[in-house]
Amino acid sequence: MSPPRSASGPAAGKHAGSPSRASASPQGLSDVTAQPPQAGAAGGPAQPDPRRPLDADSTVGRRCGLIAIVGRPNVGKSTLLNALVGQKVSITSRKAQTTRHRITGIRTLGATQFVFVDTPGFQMKHGTALHRTLNRTVLSSLSDVDAVLFVVEAGRFGLDDAKVLALLPPDKPALLVANKLDAVKRRNDMLPWLKGMQERHAFAEFVPMSARSEADVQRLFEILAPHLPEAPWLHEADALTDRNDRFLASEIVREKLFRLTGDELPYSCTVMIDKFEEEGALRRIAATIVVERDAHKGMVVGAGGERLKRIGSEARQDLEHLLGAKVFLELWVKVRSGWADDEAHLRSFGYE
């Protein structure tokens, strides 16, 4: 018997532009423009094109650094990354442990290129190969960055936060990002809380903020920039992520899977892209949702296949916006018992 599937065809109407271009920037910091260089006055030499790869002689005044975004699961790390980049590059969900891969988001503002690394939330349970793989991703990300954004919920600090804090490298500047400030009802309580956080770790900066506030995101950029080294840029000025469209498609489907199944579906499910074809302005994508049990398969498919159809429809709409093209999306559901505790399966599904 064939596995259940859902096909979602292209929708009419306008589509957003390609994600390969940077969008509007926070007030006070300007994105590097993508305008071609102009020739100098009186036939002089053309000004250098900031989009071109830089050599050692063209790094004066430019900064570039890798910044790890770390914290316990579900503190808003992916939401923060998307706000910093100006576009969705990492999926979000109320379900904890949504991010599973090292996601790189890039933003170039003025002479500074920020390369953000969104990591999985550090797993407190180490029972499966998946949990161990996610923790290796967190630790490897911390080993080669220039700065760290340690994200917590404003006014809260628990045992899980403390375990992540203990992992921070002592030789890298760490900025405390007290996220979800908009949810704090008594702002006066923040001062003693911040003082207590200062005693826990020698943070370079304290940034109470909401990732949903453009003004707060702008302020974070301004605070973070001086902590990055003078160095050549690692990416083109208009780059937003180092992940390809195929990977982003799998993440969008997984986001809709988590959002539409809620707490019904266990954490052990993933998405594989079987086909990603470009035909002019059309993208044909086939994906398989992998679950561990037949009962989980029923949760994904839903009564009469309605839940699977909705997952496909919402994922297609987001993909059309992200890719700037019409999308035909086909979804399948398959059972792979024990995949989350099988190293070979994890590697085949793209886990590092």
C-alpha atoms as a PDB file:
ATOM      1  CA  MET A   1       0.000   0.000   0.000  1.00  0.00           C
ATOM      2  CA  SER A   2       1.386   3.371  -0.975  1.00  0.00           C
ATOM      3  CA  PRO A   3       2.103   5.874   1.780  1.00  0.00           C
ATOM      4  CA  PRO A   4      -0.337   8.782   2.129  1.00  0.00           C
ATOM      5  CA  ARG A   5       0.523  11.840   0.136  1.00  0.00           C
ATOM      6  CA  SER A   6      -0.718  15.348  -0.419  1.00  0.00           C
ATOM      7  CA  ALA A   7      -0.137  17.511  -3.462  1.00  0.00           C
ATOM      8  CA  SER A   8      -0.409  21.267  -3.293  1.00  0.00           C
ATOM      9  CA  GLY A   9      -0.304  23.101  -6.574  1.00  0.00           C
ATOM     10  CA  PRO A  10       0.779  26.650  -7.480  1.00  0.00           C
ATOM     11  CA  ALA A  11      -1.285  29.588  -6.354  1.00  0.00           C
ATOM     12  CA  ALA A  12      -2.031  32.615  -8.475  1.00  0.00           C
ATOM     13  CA  GLY A  13      -1.156  36.153  -7.554  1.00  0.00           C
ATOM     14  CA  LYS A  14       1.923  38.143  -6.672  1.00  0.00           C
ATOM     15  CA  HIS A  15       4.957  36.544  -5.135  1.00  0.00           C
ATOM     16  CA  ALA A  16       7.683  38.035  -2.982  1.00  0.00           C
ATOM     17  CA  GLY A  17      11.123  38.714  -4.386  1.00  0.00           C
ATOM     18  CA  SER A  18      14.027  36.293  -4.203  1.00  0.00           C
ATOM     19  CA  PRO A  19      15.517  35.735  -0.746  1.00  0.00           C
ATOM     20  CA  SER A  20      18.993  36.222  -2.117  1.00  0.00           C
ATOM     21  CA  ARG A  21      18.607  39.973  -1.681  1.00  0.00           C
ATOM     22  CA  ALA A  22      18.605  41.789   1.623  1.00  0.00           C
ATOM     23  CA  SER A  23      15.371  43.483   2.651  1.00  0.00           C
ATOM     24  CA  ALA A  24      14.702  46.693   4.539  1.00  0.00           C
ATOM     25  CA  SER A  25      17.202  47.419   7.287  1.00  0.00           C
ATOM     26  CA  PRO A  26      16.676  48.747  10.796  1.00  0.00           C
ATOM     27  CA  GLN A  27      16.627  52.512  11.119  1.00  0.00           C
ATOM     28  CA  GLY A  28      20.065  53.937  11.729  1.00  0.00           C
ATOM     29  CA  LEU A  29      22.016  51.172  10.005  1.00  0.00           C
ATOM     30  CA  SER A  30      21.884  50.850   6.230  1.00  0.00           C
ATOM     31  CA  ASP A  31      22.234  47.688   4.193  1.00  0.00           C
ATOM     32  CA  VAL A  32      25.072  47.798   1.684  1.00  0.00           C
ATOM     33  CA  THR A  33      23.424  48.801  -1.560  1.00  0.00           C
ATOM     34  CA  ALA A  34      23.533  46.530  -4.561  1.00  0.00           C
ATOM     35  CA  GLN A  35      24.207  49.407  -6.970  1.00  0.00           C
ATOM     36  CA  PRO A  36      27.073  48.968  -9.438  1.00  0.00           C
ATOM     37  CA  PRO A  37      30.212  51.028  -8.795  1.00  0.00           C
ATOM     38  CA  GLN A  38      30.378  54.435 -10.436  1.00  0.00           C
ATOM     39  CA  ALA A  39      33.348  55.682 -12.383  1.00  0.00           C
ATOM     40  CA  GLY A  40      35.468  58.310 -10.681  1.00  0.00           C
ATOM     41  CA  ALA A  41      35.331  61.970 -11.628  1.00  0.00           C
ATOM     42  CA  ALA A  42      37.159  63.146 -14.721  1.00  0.00           C
ATOM     43  CA  GLY A  43      37.707  59.629 -15.976  1.00  0.00           C
ATOM     44  CA  GLY A  44      39.300  58.476 -12.707  1.00  0.00           C
ATOM     45  CA  PRO A  45      39.187  54.895 -11.463  1.00  0.00           C
ATOM     46  CA  ALA A  46      35.874  53.317 -10.533  1.00  0.00           C
ATOM     47  CA  GLN A  47      35.033  52.954  -6.874  1.00  0.00           C
ATOM     48  CA  PRO A  48      35.350  49.366  -5.555  1.00  0.00           C
ATOM     49  CA  ASP A  49      32.231  47.226  -5.734  1.00  0.00           C
ATOM     50  CA  PRO A  50      31.372  46.179  -2.131  1.00  0.00           C
ATOM     51  CA  ARG A  51      29.755  42.985  -3.460  1.00  0.00           C
ATOM     52  CA  ARG A  52      33.015  41.606  -4.811  1.00  0.00           C
ATOM     53  CA  PRO A  53      35.118  39.181  -2.727  1.00  0.00           C
ATOM     54  CA  LEU A  54      37.612  41.142  -0.683  1.00  0.00           C
ATOM     55  CA  ASP A  55      41.357  40.687  -0.607  1.00  0.00           C
ATOM     56  CA  ALA A  56      43.818  41.680   2.111  1.00  0.00           C
ATOM     57  CA  ASP A  57      44.174  45.205   0.725  1.00  0.00           C
ATOM     58  CA  SER A  58      40.452  45.997   0.902  1.00  0.00           C
ATOM     59  CA  THR A  59      39.643  45.173   4.512  1.00  0.00           C
ATOM     60  CA  VAL A  60      40.387  48.574   6.039  1.00  0.00           C
ATOM     61  CA  GLY A  61      37.456  49.683   8.174  1.00  0.00           C
ATOM     62  CA  ARG A  62      35.450  46.529   7.545  1.00  0.00           C
ATOM     63  CA  ARG A  63      34.371  44.116  10.243  1.00  0.00           C
ATOM     64  CA  CYS A  64      33.157  40.545  10.029  1.00  0.00           C
ATOM     65  CA  GLY A  65      32.537  37.921  12.679  1.00  0.00           C
ATOM     66  CA  LEU A  66      30.709  34.722  13.507  1.00  0.00           C
ATOM     67  CA  ILE A  67      28.146  35.033  16.288  1.00  0.00           C
ATOM     68  CA  ALA A  68      26.605  31.984  17.952  1.00  0.00           C
ATOM     69  CA  ILE A  69      23.019  32.273  19.199  1.00  0.00           C
ATOM     70  CA  VAL A  70      22.674  29.848  22.111  1.00  0.00           C
ATOM     71  CA  GLY A  71      20.214  29.126  24.894  1.00  0.00           C
ATOM     72  CA  ARG A  72      17.908  26.453  26.207  1.00  0.00           C
ATOM     73  CA  PRO A  73      15.104  25.246  23.930  1.00  0.00           C
ATOM     74  CA  ASN A  74      12.207  27.593  23.207  1.00  0.00           C
ATOM     75  CA  VAL A  75      13.656  30.938  24.339  1.00  0.00           C
ATOM     76  CA  GLY A  76      13.172  32.537  20.919  1.00  0.00           C
ATOM     77  CA  LYS A  77      16.558  31.915  19.264  1.00  0.00           C
ATOM     78  CA  SER A  78      15.141  31.232  15.794  1.00  0.00           C
ATOM     79  CA  THR A  79      12.756  34.190  16.007  1.00  0.00           C
ATOM     80  CA  LEU A  80      15.724  36.381  16.929  1.00  0.00           C
ATOM     81  CA  LEU A  81      17.793  35.068  14.008  1.00  0.00           C
ATOM     82  CA  ASN A  82      14.988  35.761  11.530  1.00  0.00           C
ATOM     83  CA  ALA A  83      14.610  39.291  12.914  1.00  0.00           C
ATOM     84  CA  LEU A  84      18.355  39.940  12.634  1.00  0.00           C
ATOM     85  CA  VAL A  85      18.521  38.691   9.055  1.00  0.00           C
ATOM     86  CA  GLY A  86      15.300  40.435   8.045  1.00  0.00           C
ATOM     87  CA  GLN A  87      13.777  37.279   6.556  1.00  0.00           C
ATOM     88  CA  LYS A  88      12.878  33.765   7.656  1.00  0.00           C
ATOM     89  CA  VAL A  89      15.914  31.477   7.476  1.00  0.00           C
ATOM     90  CA  SER A  90      15.168  29.386  10.594  1.00  0.00           C
ATOM     91  CA  ILE A  91      11.845  27.786  11.473  1.00  0.00           C
ATOM     92  CA  THR A  92       9.911  28.698  14.604  1.00  0.00           C
ATOM     93  CA  SER A  93       7.322  26.847  16.662  1.00  0.00           C
ATOM     94  CA  ARG A  94       5.964  26.838  20.181  1.00  0.00           C
ATOM     95  CA  LYS A  95       7.130  23.234  20.323  1.00  0.00           C
ATOM     96  CA  ALA A  96      10.538  23.091  21.986  1.00  0.00           C
ATOM     97  CA  GLN A  97      13.589  21.730  20.162  1.00  0.00           C
ATOM     98  CA  THR A  98      12.411  22.866  16.727  1.00  0.00           C
ATOM     99  CA  THR A  99      15.862  23.820  15.405  1.00  0.00           C
ATOM    100  CA  ARG A 100      18.014  20.765  14.702  1.00  0.00           C
ATOM    101  CA  HIS A 101      20.735  22.028  12.383  1.00  0.00           C
ATOM    102  CA  ARG A 102      23.354  24.731  12.521  1.00  0.00           C
ATOM    103  CA  ILE A 103      21.620  27.517  10.584  1.00  0.00           C
ATOM    104  CA  THR A 104      23.678  30.443   9.331  1.00  0.00           C
ATOM    105  CA  GLY A 105      22.040  33.825   8.809  1.00  0.00           C
ATOM    106  CA  ILE A 106      23.931  36.748   7.294  1.00  0.00           C
ATOM    107  CA  ARG A 107      23.363  40.496   7.468  1.00  0.00           C
ATOM    108  CA  THR A 108      25.664  43.177   6.071  1.00  0.00           C
ATOM    109  CA  LEU A 109      25.113  46.665   7.479  1.00  0.00           C
ATOM    110  CA  GLY A 110      27.446  49.488   6.575  1.00  0.00           C
ATOM    111  CA  ALA A 111      31.014  48.206   6.845  1.00  0.00           C
ATOM    112  CA  THR A 112      30.093  45.282   9.121  1.00  0.00           C
ATOM    113  CA  GLN A 113      29.042  41.778   8.134  1.00  0.00           C
ATOM    114  CA  PHE A 114      27.292  39.800  10.867  1.00  0.00           C
ATOM    115  CA  VAL A 115      27.302  36.011  10.392  1.00  0.00           C
ATOM    116  CA  PHE A 116      24.858  34.491  12.872  1.00  0.00           C
ATOM    117  CA  VAL A 117      24.757  30.803  13.782  1.00  0.00           C
ATOM    118  CA  ASP A 118      21.445  29.590  15.201  1.00  0.00           C
ATOM    119  CA  THR A 119      22.026  26.396  17.147  1.00  0.00           C
ATOM    120  CA  PRO A 120      19.654  23.743  18.502  1.00  0.00           C
ATOM    121  CA  GLY A 121      18.621  24.206  22.101  1.00  0.00           C
ATOM    122  CA  PHE A 122      21.016  22.223  24.288  1.00  0.00           C
ATOM    123  CA  GLN A 123      19.426  18.857  25.087  1.00  0.00           C
ATOM    124  CA  MET A 124      19.211  17.968  28.776  1.00  0.00           C
ATOM    125  CA  LYS A 125      18.257  14.402  27.898  1.00  0.00           C
ATOM    126  CA  HIS A 126      21.029  12.425  26.211  1.00  0.00           C
ATOM    127  CA  GLY A 127      19.125   9.189  25.630  1.00  0.00           C
ATOM    128  CA  THR A 128      19.047   9.070  21.815  1.00  0.00           C
ATOM    129  CA  ALA A 129      21.558   9.506  19.029  1.00  0.00           C
ATOM    130  CA  LEU A 130      19.543  12.541  17.877  1.00  0.00           C
ATOM    131  CA  HIS A 131      19.980  14.277  21.250  1.00  0.00           C
ATOM    132  CA  ARG A 132      23.718  13.592  21.219  1.00  0.00           C
ATOM    133  CA  THR A 133      24.013  14.867  17.646  1.00  0.00           C
ATOM    134  CA  LEU A 134      22.205  18.109  18.509  1.00  0.00           C
ATOM    135  CA  ASN A 135      24.506  18.729  21.481  1.00  0.00           C
ATOM    136  CA  ARG A 136      27.582  18.149  19.329  1.00  0.00           C
ATOM    137  CA  THR A 137      26.239  20.803  16.964  1.00  0.00           C
ATOM    138  CA  VAL A 138      25.924  23.301  19.840  1.00  0.00           C
ATOM    139  CA  LEU A 139      29.433  22.643  21.160  1.00  0.00           C
ATOM    140  CA  SER A 140      31.089  22.791  17.734  1.00  0.00           C
ATOM    141  CA  SER A 141      29.353  26.094  17.008  1.00  0.00           C
ATOM    142  CA  LEU A 142      30.771  27.637  20.176  1.00  0.00           C
ATOM    143  CA  SER A 143      34.319  26.589  19.362  1.00  0.00           C
ATOM    144  CA  ASP A 144      34.867  28.766  16.298  1.00  0.00           C
ATOM    145  CA  VAL A 145      32.887  31.982  16.814  1.00  0.00           C
ATOM    146  CA  ASP A 146      33.954  35.532  17.614  1.00  0.00           C
ATOM    147  CA  ALA A 147      31.065  36.368  19.942  1.00  0.00           C
ATOM    148  CA  VAL A 148      28.093  34.694  21.622  1.00  0.00           C
ATOM    149  CA  LEU A 149      24.501  35.826  22.094  1.00  0.00           C
ATOM    150  CA  PHE A 150      23.259  33.981  25.185  1.00  0.00           C
ATOM    151  CA  VAL A 151      19.470  34.126  24.961  1.00  0.00           C
ATOM    152  CA  VAL A 152      17.191  33.780  27.973  1.00  0.00           C
ATOM    153  CA  GLU A 153      13.658  34.871  28.757  1.00  0.00           C
ATOM    154  CA  ALA A 154      13.725  38.269  30.432  1.00  0.00           C
ATOM    155  CA  GLY A 155      13.334  37.940  34.192  1.00  0.00           C
ATOM    156  CA  ARG A 156      13.782  34.168  34.200  1.00  0.00           C
ATOM    157  CA  PHE A 157      16.787  31.907  34.774  1.00  0.00           C
ATOM    158  CA  GLY A 158      16.473  28.233  35.565  1.00  0.00           C
ATOM    159  CA  LEU A 159      18.577  25.113  35.778  1.00  0.00           C
ATOM    160  CA  ASP A 160      18.417  24.496  32.023  1.00  0.00           C
ATOM    161  CA  ASP A 161      19.672  28.060  31.392  1.00  0.00           C
ATOM    162  CA  ALA A 162      22.507  27.509  33.873  1.00  0.00           C
ATOM    163  CA  LYS A 163      23.623  24.338  32.087  1.00  0.00           C
ATOM    164  CA  VAL A 164      23.917  26.214  28.785  1.00  0.00           C
ATOM    165  CA  LEU A 165      25.665  29.142  30.474  1.00  0.00           C
ATOM    166  CA  ALA A 166      28.335  26.752  31.749  1.00  0.00           C
ATOM    167  CA  LEU A 167      29.198  25.895  28.136  1.00  0.00           C
ATOM    168  CA  LEU A 168      30.116  29.444  27.112  1.00  0.00           C
ATOM    169  CA  PRO A 169      33.795  29.800  26.158  1.00  0.00           C
ATOM    170  CA  PRO A 170      35.564  32.098  28.635  1.00  0.00           C
ATOM    171  CA  ASP A 171      37.704  33.719  25.935  1.00  0.00           C
ATOM    172  CA  LYS A 172      34.801  34.957  23.755  1.00  0.00           C
ATOM    173  CA  PRO A 173      32.666  38.048  24.461  1.00  0.00           C
ATOM    174  CA  ALA A 174      29.194  36.940  25.522  1.00  0.00           C
ATOM    175  CA  LEU A 175      26.185  39.256  25.308  1.00  0.00           C
ATOM    176  CA  LEU A 176      23.204  38.490  27.508  1.00  0.00           C
ATOM    177  CA  VAL A 177      20.057  38.839  25.379  1.00  0.00           C
ATOM    178  CA  ALA A 178      17.074  39.015  27.733  1.00  0.00           C
ATOM    179  CA  ASN A 179      14.421  38.210  25.141  1.00  0.00           C
ATOM    180  CA  LYS A 180      10.619  38.511  25.381  1.00  0.00           C
ATOM    181  CA  LEU A 181      10.883  41.733  27.370  1.00  0.00           C
ATOM    182  CA  ASP A 182       7.398  42.635  26.137  1.00  0.00           C
ATOM    183  CA  ALA A 183       6.030  39.784  28.278  1.00  0.00           C
ATOM    184  CA  VAL A 184       7.461  41.257  31.503  1.00  0.00           C
ATOM    185  CA  LYS A 185       4.664  43.055  33.359  1.00  0.00           C
ATOM    186  CA  ARG A 186       6.756  44.644  36.122  1.00  0.00           C
ATOM    187  CA  ARG A 187       9.780  46.276  34.507  1.00  0.00           C
ATOM    188  CA  ASN A 188      11.124  47.375  37.914  1.00  0.00           C
ATOM    189  CA  ASP A 189      11.848  43.719  38.653  1.00  0.00           C
ATOM    190  CA  MET A 190      14.374  43.630  35.809  1.00  0.00           C
ATOM    191  CA  LEU A 191      17.057  45.662  37.602  1.00  0.00           C
ATOM    192  CA  PRO A 192      17.708  43.197  40.459  1.00  0.00           C
ATOM    193  CA  TRP A 193      17.414  40.314  37.967  1.00  0.00           C
ATOM    194  CA  LEU A 194      20.074  41.876  35.707  1.00  0.00           C
ATOM    195  CA  LYS A 195      22.313  42.430  38.720  1.00  0.00           C
ATOM    196  CA  GLY A 196      21.980  38.758  39.590  1.00  0.00           C
ATOM    197  CA  MET A 197      22.861  37.776  36.010  1.00  0.00           C
ATOM    198  CA  GLN A 198      25.964  39.948  36.176  1.00  0.00           C
ATOM    199  CA  GLU A 199      27.124  37.912  39.161  1.00  0.00           C
ATOM    200  CA  ARG A 200      26.632  34.652  37.264  1.00  0.00           C
ATOM    201  CA  HIS A 201      28.898  35.499  34.330  1.00  0.00           C
ATOM    202  CA  ALA A 202      31.149  38.300  33.115  1.00  0.00           C
ATOM    203  CA  PHE A 203      28.887  39.318  30.255  1.00  0.00           C
ATOM    204  CA  ALA A 204      30.305  41.901  27.847  1.00  0.00           C
ATOM    205  CA  GLU A 205      26.866  43.495  27.399  1.00  0.00           C
ATOM    206  CA  PHE A 206      23.317  43.249  28.731  1.00  0.00           C
ATOM    207  CA  VAL A 207      20.559  43.653  26.136  1.00  0.00           C
ATOM    208  CA  PRO A 208      16.950  43.444  27.400  1.00  0.00           C
ATOM    209  CA  MET A 209      14.804  43.325  24.265  1.00  0.00           C
ATOM    210  CA  SER A 210      12.035  41.777  22.248  1.00  0.00           C
ATOM    211  CA  ALA A 211      13.005  40.048  19.011  1.00  0.00           C
ATOM    212  CA  ARG A 212       9.720  41.337  17.567  1.00  0.00           C
ATOM    213  CA  SER A 213      10.726  44.978  18.070  1.00  0.00           C
ATOM    214  CA  GLU A 214      12.597  46.537  15.126  1.00  0.00           C
ATOM    215  CA  ALA A 215      14.044  49.233  17.395  1.00  0.00           C
ATOM    216  CA  ASP A 216      15.401  46.593  19.777  1.00  0.00           C
ATOM    217  CA  VAL A 217      16.952  44.638  16.902  1.00  0.00           C
ATOM    218  CA  GLN A 218      18.630  47.835  15.662  1.00  0.00           C
ATOM    219  CA  ARG A 219      20.030  48.466  19.129  1.00  0.00           C
ATOM    220  CA  LEU A 220      21.419  44.925  19.300  1.00  0.00           C
ATOM    221  CA  PHE A 221      23.274  45.433  16.007  1.00  0.00           C
ATOM    222  CA  GLU A 222      24.830  48.642  17.314  1.00  0.00           C
ATOM    223  CA  ILE A 223      25.907  47.004  20.589  1.00  0.00           C
ATOM    224  CA  LEU A 224      27.272  43.896  18.888  1.00  0.00           C
ATOM    225  CA  ALA A 225      29.284  45.501  16.064  1.00  0.00           C
ATOM    226  CA  PRO A 226      32.271  46.746  18.162  1.00  0.00           C
ATOM    227  CA  HIS A 227      32.824  43.195  19.458  1.00  0.00           C
ATOM    228  CA  LEU A 228      33.548  41.842  15.967  1.00  0.00           C
ATOM    229  CA  PRO A 229      37.101  41.872  14.560  1.00  0.00           C
ATOM    230  CA  GLU A 230      38.298  43.887  11.612  1.00  0.00           C
ATOM    231  CA  ALA A 231      38.318  41.279   8.879  1.00  0.00           C
ATOM    232  CA  PRO A 232      37.251  40.662   5.271  1.00  0.00           C
ATOM    233  CA  TRP A 233      33.657  39.683   4.692  1.00  0.00           C
ATOM    234  CA  LEU A 234      32.960  35.969   4.362  1.00  0.00           C
ATOM    235  CA  HIS A 235      29.959  36.353   2.047  1.00  0.00           C
ATOM    236  CA  GLU A 236      28.561  38.637  -0.634  1.00  0.00           C
ATOM    237  CA  ALA A 237      26.901  41.770   0.683  1.00  0.00           C
ATOM    238  CA  ASP A 238      23.385  40.670  -0.282  1.00  0.00           C
ATOM    239  CA  ALA A 239      23.642  37.091   1.065  1.00  0.00           C
ATOM    240  CA  LEU A 240      21.133  36.107   3.747  1.00  0.00           C
ATOM    241  CA  THR A 241      22.037  32.465   4.463  1.00  0.00           C
ATOM    242  CA  ASP A 242      24.500  29.776   3.446  1.00  0.00           C
ATOM    243  CA  ARG A 243      21.745  27.165   3.276  1.00  0.00           C
ATOM    244  CA  ASN A 244      20.352  26.203  -0.138  1.00  0.00           C
ATOM    245  CA  ASP A 245      16.704  26.254  -1.213  1.00  0.00           C
ATOM    246  CA  ARG A 246      16.392  22.483  -0.877  1.00  0.00           C
ATOM    247  CA  PHE A 247      17.313  22.648   2.821  1.00  0.00           C
ATOM    248  CA  LEU A 248      15.000  25.607   3.458  1.00  0.00           C
ATOM    249  CA  ALA A 249      12.133  23.699   1.826  1.00  0.00           C
ATOM    250  CA  SER A 250      12.574  20.781   4.247  1.00  0.00           C
ATOM    251  CA  GLU A 251      12.631  23.191   7.203  1.00  0.00           C
ATOM    252  CA  ILE A 252       9.441  24.970   6.103  1.00  0.00           C
ATOM    253  CA  VAL A 253       7.578  21.650   5.806  1.00  0.00           C
ATOM    254  CA  ARG A 254       8.862  20.598   9.238  1.00  0.00           C
ATOM    255  CA  GLU A 255       7.728  23.909  10.748  1.00  0.00           C
ATOM    256  CA  LYS A 256       4.169  23.410   9.469  1.00  0.00           C
ATOM    257  CA  LEU A 257       4.258  19.793  10.669  1.00  0.00           C
ATOM    258  CA  PHE A 258       5.076  20.888  14.222  1.00  0.00           C
ATOM    259  CA  ARG A 259       2.673  23.814  14.250  1.00  0.00           C
ATOM    260  CA  LEU A 260      -0.320  21.873  12.952  1.00  0.00           C
ATOM    261  CA  THR A 261       0.167  18.731  15.055  1.00  0.00           C
ATOM    262  CA  GLY A 262       0.879  20.596  18.297  1.00  0.00           C
ATOM    263  CA  ASP A 263       1.728  18.331  21.206  1.00  0.00           C
ATOM    264  CA  GLU A 264       0.113  15.299  19.578  1.00  0.00           C
ATOM    265  CA  LEU A 265       3.160  14.384  17.512  1.00  0.00           C
ATOM    266  CA  PRO A 266       6.336  13.379  19.365  1.00  0.00           C
ATOM    267  CA  TYR A 267       9.632  15.089  18.708  1.00  0.00           C
ATOM    268  CA  SER A 268      10.985  12.172  16.652  1.00  0.00           C
ATOM    269  CA  CYS A 269       9.880  13.122  13.140  1.00  0.00           C
ATOM    270  CA  THR A 270      11.815  14.684  10.292  1.00  0.00           C
ATOM    271  CA  VAL A 271      11.473  15.720   6.639  1.00  0.00           C
ATOM    272  CA  MET A 272      13.487  14.621   3.606  1.00  0.00           C
ATOM    273  CA  ILE A 273      13.389  16.335   0.215  1.00  0.00           C
ATOM    274  CA  ASP A 274      13.147  13.690  -2.499  1.00  0.00           C
ATOM    275  CA  LYS A 275      12.911  16.053  -5.470  1.00  0.00           C
ATOM    276  CA  PHE A 276      13.595  19.748  -6.047  1.00  0.00           C
ATOM    277  CA  GLU A 277      13.293  20.767  -9.699  1.00  0.00           C
ATOM    278  CA  GLU A 278      13.333  24.252 -11.220  1.00  0.00           C
ATOM    279  CA  GLU A 279      11.237  24.811 -14.341  1.00  0.00           C
ATOM    280  CA  GLY A 280      11.439  28.509 -15.105  1.00  0.00           C
ATOM    281  CA  ALA A 281       9.250  30.269 -12.542  1.00  0.00           C
ATOM    282  CA  LEU A 282       7.959  26.948 -11.157  1.00  0.00           C
ATOM    283  CA  ARG A 283       9.502  24.771  -8.436  1.00  0.00           C
ATOM    284  CA  ARG A 284       8.471  21.103  -8.229  1.00  0.00           C
ATOM    285  CA  ILE A 285       9.176  19.714  -4.765  1.00  0.00           C
ATOM    286  CA  ALA A 286       8.512  16.239  -3.388  1.00  0.00           C
ATOM    287  CA  ALA A 287       9.107  15.616   0.323  1.00  0.00           C
ATOM    288  CA  THR A 288       8.749  12.697   2.727  1.00  0.00           C
ATOM    289  CA  ILE A 289       7.723  13.154   6.361  1.00  0.00           C
ATOM    290  CA  VAL A 290       9.424  10.414   8.388  1.00  0.00           C
ATOM    291  CA  VAL A 291       7.847   9.234  11.661  1.00  0.00           C
ATOM    292  CA  GLU A 292       8.680   6.382  14.032  1.00  0.00           C
ATOM    293  CA  ARG A 293       5.321   4.629  14.432  1.00  0.00           C
ATOM    294  CA  ASP A 294       2.151   3.904  12.470  1.00  0.00           C
ATOM    295  CA  ALA A 295       0.176   5.821  15.112  1.00  0.00           C
ATOM    296  CA  HIS A 296       2.304   8.902  14.400  1.00  0.00           C
ATOM    297  CA  LYS A 297       1.572   8.500  10.707  1.00  0.00           C
ATOM    298  CA  GLY A 298      -2.141   8.737  11.452  1.00  0.00           C
ATOM    299  CA  MET A 299      -1.593  11.936  13.427  1.00  0.00           C
ATOM    300  CA  VAL A 300       0.159  13.546  10.458  1.00  0.00           C
ATOM    301  CA  VAL A 301      -2.357  12.400   7.845  1.00  0.00           C
ATOM    302  CA  GLY A 302      -5.454  13.279   9.892  1.00  0.00           C
ATOM    303  CA  ALA A 303      -9.049  12.337   9.195  1.00  0.00           C
ATOM    304  CA  GLY A 304      -9.532  11.890   5.462  1.00  0.00           C
ATOM    305  CA  GLY A 305      -6.037  13.235   4.861  1.00  0.00           C
ATOM    306  CA  GLU A 306      -7.120  16.762   5.816  1.00  0.00           C
ATOM    307  CA  ARG A 307      -4.193  17.538   8.152  1.00  0.00           C
ATOM    308  CA  LEU A 308      -1.605  16.466   5.586  1.00  0.00           C
ATOM    309  CA  LYS A 309      -3.334  18.604   2.964  1.00  0.00           C
ATOM    310  CA  ARG A 310      -3.221  21.612   5.285  1.00  0.00           C
ATOM    311  CA  ILE A 311       0.479  21.044   6.055  1.00  0.00           C
ATOM    312  CA  GLY A 312       1.164  20.981   2.323  1.00  0.00           C
ATOM    313  CA  SER A 313      -0.956  24.047   1.587  1.00  0.00           C
ATOM    314  CA  GLU A 314       0.604  26.243   4.286  1.00  0.00           C
ATOM    315  CA  ALA A 315       4.125  25.062   3.462  1.00  0.00           C
ATOM    316  CA  ARG A 316       3.577  25.824  -0.227  1.00  0.00           C
ATOM    317  CA  GLN A 317       2.411  29.358   0.523  1.00  0.00           C
ATOM    318  CA  ASP A 318       5.503  30.062   2.636  1.00  0.00           C
ATOM    319  CA  LEU A 319       7.794  28.524   0.019  1.00  0.00           C
ATOM    320  CA  GLU A 320       6.306  30.663  -2.739  1.00  0.00           C
ATOM    321  CA  HIS A 321       6.984  33.747  -0.639  1.00  0.00           C
ATOM    322  CA  LEU A 322      10.503  32.581   0.217  1.00  0.00           C
ATOM    323  CA  LEU A 323      11.539  31.428  -3.252  1.00  0.00           C
ATOM    324  CA  GLY A 324       9.750  34.106  -5.264  1.00  0.00           C
ATOM    325  CA  ALA A 325       8.275  31.421  -7.540  1.00  0.00           C
ATOM    326  CA  LYS A 326       5.211  29.231  -7.911  1.00  0.00           C
ATOM    327  CA  VAL A 327       5.545  25.925  -6.083  1.00  0.00           C
ATOM    328  CA  PHE A 328       4.036  22.482  -6.692  1.00  0.00           C
ATOM    329  CA  LEU A 329       4.540  20.538  -3.457  1.00  0.00           C
ATOM    330  CA  GLU A 330       3.914  16.812  -3.013  1.00  0.00           C
ATOM    331  CA  LEU A 331       4.080  15.236   0.473  1.00  0.00           C
ATOM    332  CA  TRP A 332       4.411  11.603   1.550  1.00  0.00           C
ATOM    333  CA  VAL A 333       4.425  10.050   5.033  1.00  0.00           C
ATOM    334  CA  LYS A 334       6.587   7.003   5.836  1.00  0.00           C
ATOM    335  CA  VAL A 335       7.397   5.057   8.989  1.00  0.00           C
ATOM    336  CA  ARG A 336      11.050   4.419   9.896  1.00  0.00           C
ATOM    337  CA  SER A 337      11.079   2.784  13.307  1.00  0.00           C
ATOM    338  CA  GLY A 338      13.927   3.883  15.579  1.00  0.00           C
ATOM    339  CA  TRP A 339      15.429   6.404  13.143  1.00  0.00           C
ATOM    340  CA  ALA A 340      16.147   8.950  15.914  1.00  0.00           C
ATOM    341  CA  ASP A 341      18.479   6.512  17.680  1.00  0.00           C
ATOM    342  CA  ASP A 342      20.293   5.244  14.575  1.00  0.00           C
ATOM    343  CA  GLU A 343      23.488   7.067  13.605  1.00  0.00           C
ATOM    344  CA  ALA A 344      23.322   5.816  10.003  1.00  0.00           C
ATOM    345  CA  HIS A 345      19.740   7.040   9.605  1.00  0.00           C
ATOM    346  CA  LEU A 346      20.667  10.424  11.105  1.00  0.00           C
ATOM    347  CA  ARG A 347      23.510  10.885   8.607  1.00  0.00           C
ATOM    348  CA  SER A 348      21.240   9.894   5.708  1.00  0.00           C
ATOM    349  CA  PHE A 349      18.729  12.525   6.864  1.00  0.00           C
ATOM    350  CA  GLY A 350      21.410  15.240   6.848  1.00  0.00           C
ATOM    351  CA  TYR A 351      22.208  15.547  10.553  1.00  0.00           C
ATOM    352  CA  GLU A 352      25.776  16.638  11.208  1.00  0.00           C
END
